[in-house]
C-alpha cells in the first residue's frame, strides 16, 4: 500500500526540542519564530541554523507571539510541512537483512499526546514504524510533535485504511500479531516476542476492539499488582516496546554466544 499523498499543507509546532528536531532532520520548515524576551544560547543557535538553511527566522513581539502559540511553547515556534506518511511495503523493504521487523499499530488512539509519546518511545527503541488507521486516530500535529519531542519527524509513520487491513498485511508478510490488552490471558513476559512482530495497542478507554482481538494471533497483557485497573495507553505501549526490545537483544546475544569459535 502506498502512503497517502498530502497537499502542500503546513502546520504550526512549538517547543525547543520539536523545532530543533525539525531543523536538524532536514524537515521542510517554512519559518522559525522566537518570542521576544526568550532569547538564550539555544534559541540563538536555532535562529542561526534556520538562517543558514535559507529559512525565514525572526524574533517577534511577545504579545503577537502569545496570540498565536500556546503558553507552553518555550518561546519557540515554527511552521513546518505536515508529516508525510510512509507505505508499509516501503518500510519493510528498508529493514536491514537479518533484522526481524517490528511494527507498532495503534487502534483508536485519539489523544495526540499519547500518539506523540508512543512515537518517541518507538524511535528510541528501534521500532521500524508506527501504524495508524485513516480514521479514529489522533492528528499528527502540534500536540503529537511536542509530546514526541520531535520524533514524529524521524520515526516512520504509516497510515492504513483500518487496523484489520494492517493485521492481514502483517500476517501475509510473516509477522506475528500480538494484541496488547488488560484482558489478555498471557503475560507478555512469558510470550516469545523476539521474532518478526506487530504489536497492536488499543484506545485509551476501551482497549482493543472485539474484531481486532479476534484477528490477532494472541492477546498479551501487562501483569499488575495493586488496585490499578489499567495503564495509560502510551505507558502500556512503552512497557510492551521495552519488553519486545529486551527479548530481541537477548536472543541476538544468545545467537552470538552459540557461534563456533575458530581457533586456527
Protein backbone atom coordinates (compact mmCIF):
# COMPACT_ATOMS: atom_id res chain seq x y z
CA UNK A 1 0.00 0.00 0.00
CA UNK A 2 1.31 3.42 -0.86
CA UNK A 3 1.30 6.27 1.63
CA UNK A 4 -1.38 8.88 1.12
CA UNK A 5 -0.13 11.93 -0.73
CA UNK A 6 -0.55 15.22 1.08
CA UNK A 7 -1.11 18.63 -0.40
CA UNK A 8 1.29 21.45 0.38
CA UNK A 9 -0.14 21.89 3.88
CA UNK A 10 1.83 23.38 6.73
CA UNK A 11 1.20 23.07 10.45
CA UNK A 12 2.46 25.02 13.45
CA UNK A 13 4.64 23.37 16.05
CA UNK A 14 6.18 24.81 19.18
CA UNK A 15 8.79 23.95 21.78
CA UNK A 16 12.57 23.96 21.65
CA UNK A 17 13.10 20.26 21.01
CA UNK A 18 10.43 19.76 18.30
CA UNK A 19 11.65 22.81 16.36
CA UNK A 20 15.29 21.76 16.76
CA UNK A 21 14.47 18.22 15.55
CA UNK A 22 12.61 19.60 12.53
CA UNK A 23 15.62 21.71 11.54
CA UNK A 24 18.23 19.02 12.27
CA UNK A 25 16.28 16.35 10.40
CA UNK A 26 16.12 18.39 7.21
CA UNK A 27 12.36 18.81 7.53
CA UNK A 28 10.59 21.28 5.21
CA UNK A 29 10.39 24.24 7.61
CA UNK A 30 8.89 27.45 6.27
CA UNK A 31 9.51 29.76 9.21
CA UNK A 32 11.03 29.82 12.70
CA UNK A 33 9.77 32.35 15.25
CA UNK A 34 11.24 33.27 18.64
CA UNK A 35 9.30 35.20 21.29
CA UNK A 36 10.95 38.46 22.27
CA UNK A 37 12.49 38.06 25.72
CA UNK A 38 13.02 34.31 25.25
CA UNK A 39 16.41 34.60 23.57
CA UNK A 40 19.16 32.42 25.01
CA UNK A 41 22.04 30.41 23.58
CA UNK A 42 19.67 27.65 22.42
CA UNK A 43 17.24 29.95 20.61
CA UNK A 44 20.07 31.97 19.09
CA UNK A 45 21.52 28.73 17.74
CA UNK A 46 18.11 27.88 16.24
CA UNK A 47 17.97 31.24 14.51
CA UNK A 48 21.47 30.77 13.09
CA UNK A 49 20.68 27.26 11.94
CA UNK A 50 17.45 28.37 10.24
CA UNK A 51 19.17 31.30 8.52
CA UNK A 52 21.97 29.03 7.29
CA UNK A 53 19.33 26.77 5.72
CA UNK A 54 17.65 29.70 3.99
CA UNK A 55 14.61 29.52 6.27
CA UNK A 56 12.86 32.68 7.40
CA UNK A 57 13.73 33.27 11.07
CA UNK A 58 12.69 36.16 13.29
CA UNK A 59 12.10 37.42 16.81
CA UNK A 60 8.57 38.74 17.26
CA UNK A 61 6.91 40.92 19.87
CA UNK A 62 5.72 38.93 22.89
CA UNK A 63 2.01 39.77 22.64
CA UNK A 64 1.89 38.84 18.96
CA UNK A 65 3.63 35.53 19.70
CA UNK A 66 1.31 34.73 22.61
CA UNK A 67 -1.79 35.22 20.46
CA UNK A 68 -0.65 32.51 18.04
CA UNK A 69 1.12 29.94 20.16
CA UNK A 70 0.33 28.04 23.39
CA UNK A 71 1.71 29.10 26.80
CA UNK A 72 4.00 26.05 26.99
CA UNK A 73 5.75 26.84 23.72
CA UNK A 74 9.02 27.78 25.49
CA UNK A 75 9.06 30.89 23.32
CA UNK A 76 9.95 28.88 20.21
CA UNK A 77 7.69 28.01 17.28
CA UNK A 78 7.86 27.06 13.63
CA UNK A 79 5.68 26.48 10.62
CA UNK A 80 6.55 23.12 9.07
CA UNK A 81 5.28 20.91 6.30
CA UNK A 82 2.99 18.28 7.75
CA UNK A 83 4.44 14.84 8.41
CA UNK A 84 4.31 12.63 5.29
CA UNK A 85 3.03 9.11 5.74
CA UNK A 86 5.07 6.11 4.64
CA UNK A 87 3.97 2.94 2.89
CA UNK A 88 4.09 -0.39 4.73
CA UNK A 89 5.97 -2.15 1.95
CA UNK A 90 8.39 0.77 1.66
CA UNK A 91 9.28 0.48 5.35
CA UNK A 92 9.51 -3.31 5.22
CA UNK A 93 11.86 -3.23 2.24
CA UNK A 94 14.14 -0.78 4.06
CA UNK A 95 14.73 -3.03 7.09
CA UNK A 96 18.32 -4.40 7.11
CA UNK A 97 18.71 -8.05 6.14
CA UNK A 98 18.53 -10.38 9.11
CA UNK A 99 16.74 -7.87 11.33
CA UNK A 100 13.23 -9.04 12.26
CA UNK A 101 10.52 -6.45 11.50
CA UNK A 102 8.95 -4.62 14.43
CA UNK A 103 5.74 -2.60 13.92
CA UNK A 104 3.52 -0.87 16.47
CA UNK A 105 -0.12 -0.37 15.41
CA UNK A 106 -2.47 1.99 17.23
CA UNK A 107 -6.13 1.02 17.29
CA UNK A 108 -8.21 4.09 18.13
CA UNK A 109 -5.59 6.24 19.89
CA UNK A 110 -7.30 9.65 19.80
CA UNK A 111 -5.10 11.68 22.14
CA UNK A 112 -2.27 13.37 20.19
CA UNK A 113 -0.12 13.39 23.34
CA UNK A 114 -0.37 9.60 23.56
CA UNK A 115 0.45 9.34 19.87
CA UNK A 116 3.47 11.58 20.36
CA UNK A 117 4.70 9.73 23.45
CA UNK A 118 4.38 6.36 21.71
CA UNK A 119 6.23 7.66 18.64
CA UNK A 120 9.03 8.98 20.85
CA UNK A 121 9.43 5.59 22.53
CA UNK A 122 9.25 3.80 19.19
CA UNK A 123 12.06 5.90 17.76
CA UNK A 124 14.22 5.42 20.86
CA UNK A 125 13.75 1.63 20.92
CA UNK A 126 14.21 0.82 17.25
CA UNK A 127 10.62 0.20 16.17
CA UNK A 128 10.55 0.21 12.37
CA UNK A 129 7.23 2.07 12.05
CA UNK A 130 4.17 3.27 13.92
CA UNK A 131 0.94 2.37 12.12
CA UNK A 132 -2.25 4.45 12.42
CA UNK A 133 -5.70 4.00 10.84
CA UNK A 134 -7.04 6.61 8.45
CA UNK A 135 -9.99 7.28 10.75
CA UNK A 136 -10.31 7.26 14.54
CA UNK A 137 -6.73 8.33 15.11
CA UNK A 138 -5.09 11.38 16.68
CA UNK A 139 -3.84 14.02 14.28
CA UNK A 140 -0.10 14.30 13.71
CA UNK A 141 0.01 17.99 14.53
CA UNK A 142 1.40 20.28 17.17
CA UNK A 143 0.35 18.16 20.17
CA UNK A 144 1.94 14.99 18.79
CA UNK A 145 5.05 16.86 17.64
CA UNK A 146 5.66 18.38 21.05
CA UNK A 147 4.91 15.30 23.17
CA UNK A 148 7.15 13.24 20.88
CA UNK A 149 9.99 15.81 21.30
CA UNK A 150 10.15 15.92 17.51
CA UNK A 151 10.21 12.14 17.00
CA UNK A 152 7.29 12.37 14.54
CA UNK A 153 9.77 13.96 12.13
CA UNK A 154 12.09 10.93 12.27
CA UNK A 155 10.09 7.80 13.08
CA UNK A 156 8.29 6.32 10.04
CA UNK A 157 4.51 6.62 10.39
CA UNK A 158 2.29 4.51 8.14
CA UNK A 159 -1.40 5.15 7.55
CA UNK A 160 -3.72 2.25 6.67
CA UNK A 161 -7.45 2.11 5.81
CA UNK A 162 -8.05 0.35 9.13
CA UNK A 163 -6.23 -1.84 11.64
CA UNK A 164 -7.78 -5.02 10.21
CA UNK A 165 -6.10 -4.24 6.88
CA UNK A 166 -2.77 -3.90 8.67
CA UNK A 167 -3.18 -7.16 10.59
CA UNK A 168 -3.85 -9.11 7.40
CA UNK A 169 -0.90 -7.41 5.68
CA UNK A 170 1.40 -8.24 8.60
CA UNK A 171 0.38 -11.90 8.59
CA UNK A 172 0.98 -12.17 4.84
CA UNK A 173 4.48 -10.78 5.40
CA UNK A 174 5.28 -13.36 8.06
CA UNK A 175 4.85 -11.22 11.20
CA UNK A 176 3.24 -12.49 14.37
CA UNK A 177 0.50 -10.11 15.51
CA UNK A 178 0.07 -9.64 19.25
CA UNK A 179 -2.69 -7.54 20.75
CA UNK A 180 -1.95 -5.70 24.00
CA UNK A 181 -4.97 -5.70 26.26
CA UNK A 182 -5.63 -5.82 30.00
CA UNK A 183 -7.90 -8.82 29.40
CA UNK A 184 -5.17 -10.88 27.74
CA UNK A 185 -4.73 -14.35 29.23
CA UNK A 186 -0.96 -14.49 28.75
CA UNK A 187 1.51 -12.19 30.49
CA UNK A 188 3.73 -10.61 27.90
CA UNK A 189 6.82 -11.58 29.91
CA UNK A 190 6.07 -15.25 29.15
CA UNK A 191 5.37 -14.83 25.42
CA UNK A 192 8.03 -15.21 22.74
CA UNK A 193 8.18 -11.72 21.23
CA UNK A 194 11.64 -11.80 19.69
CA UNK A 195 10.76 -12.64 16.08
CA UNK A 196 9.04 -10.64 13.32
CA UNK A 197 6.29 -8.90 15.25
CA UNK A 198 3.49 -6.38 15.20
CA UNK A 199 2.01 -5.23 18.50
CA UNK A 200 -1.48 -3.70 18.39
CA UNK A 201 -2.38 -1.24 21.14
CA UNK A 202 -5.99 -0.29 21.88
CA UNK A 203 -7.63 3.00 22.69
CA UNK A 204 -7.19 4.90 25.95
CA UNK A 205 -10.57 3.95 27.39
CA UNK A 206 -11.90 0.87 25.59
CA UNK A 207 -8.79 -1.11 24.76
CA UNK A 208 -8.83 -3.33 21.68
CA UNK A 209 -12.00 -3.61 19.63
CA UNK A 210 -13.56 -7.09 19.62
CA UNK A 211 -12.88 -7.74 15.91
CA UNK A 212 -9.29 -6.61 16.35
CA UNK A 213 -8.82 -9.04 19.23
CA UNK A 214 -10.20 -11.88 17.12
CA UNK A 215 -7.81 -11.18 14.25
CA UNK A 216 -4.64 -11.10 16.38
CA UNK A 217 -2.55 -14.25 16.74
CA UNK A 218 -2.50 -13.81 20.52
CA UNK A 219 -3.52 -11.31 23.20
CA UNK A 220 -1.00 -10.46 25.89
CA UNK A 221 -1.30 -8.31 28.99
CA UNK A 222 0.94 -6.47 31.41
CA UNK A 223 0.58 -8.08 34.86
CA UNK A 224 -0.18 -5.50 37.55
CA UNK A 225 -0.38 -5.53 41.31
CA UNK A 226 -2.41 -3.16 43.42
CA UNK A 227 -5.78 -1.71 42.53
CA UNK A 228 -4.93 -0.21 39.14
CA UNK A 229 -7.36 -1.44 36.52
CA UNK A 230 -5.39 -0.22 33.53
CA UNK A 231 -2.49 1.92 32.41
CA UNK A 232 -2.34 4.97 30.19
CA UNK A 233 -2.09 3.82 26.55
CA UNK A 234 1.34 5.36 25.97
CA UNK A 235 2.72 3.93 29.23
CA UNK A 236 1.42 0.45 28.46
CA UNK A 237 2.73 0.64 24.90
CA UNK A 238 6.12 1.84 26.15
CA UNK A 239 6.38 -1.11 28.52
CA UNK A 240 5.46 -3.50 25.71
CA UNK A 241 8.03 -1.98 23.35
CA UNK A 242 10.70 -2.23 26.04
CA UNK A 243 9.92 -5.90 26.70
CA UNK A 244 9.97 -6.77 22.99
CA UNK A 245 13.27 -4.92 22.56
CA UNK A 246 14.74 -6.73 25.60
CA UNK A 247 13.77 -10.11 24.18
CA UNK A 248 15.16 -9.26 20.75
CA UNK A 249 18.52 -8.19 22.20
CA UNK A 250 18.65 -11.26 24.44
CA UNK A 251 18.00 -13.60 21.53
CA UNK A 252 20.63 -11.83 19.41
CA UNK A 253 23.15 -12.21 22.24
CA UNK A 254 22.34 -15.92 22.57
CA UNK A 255 22.95 -16.42 18.84
CA UNK A 256 26.35 -14.76 19.16
CA UNK A 257 27.27 -16.94 22.14
CA UNK A 258 26.42 -20.09 20.17
CA UNK A 259 28.69 -19.16 17.26
CA UNK A 260 31.54 -21.64 16.83
CA UNK A 261 34.92 -20.18 17.73
CA UNK A 262 37.62 -20.55 15.09
CA UNK A 263 40.82 -21.43 16.99
CA UNK A 264 43.02 -21.72 13.92
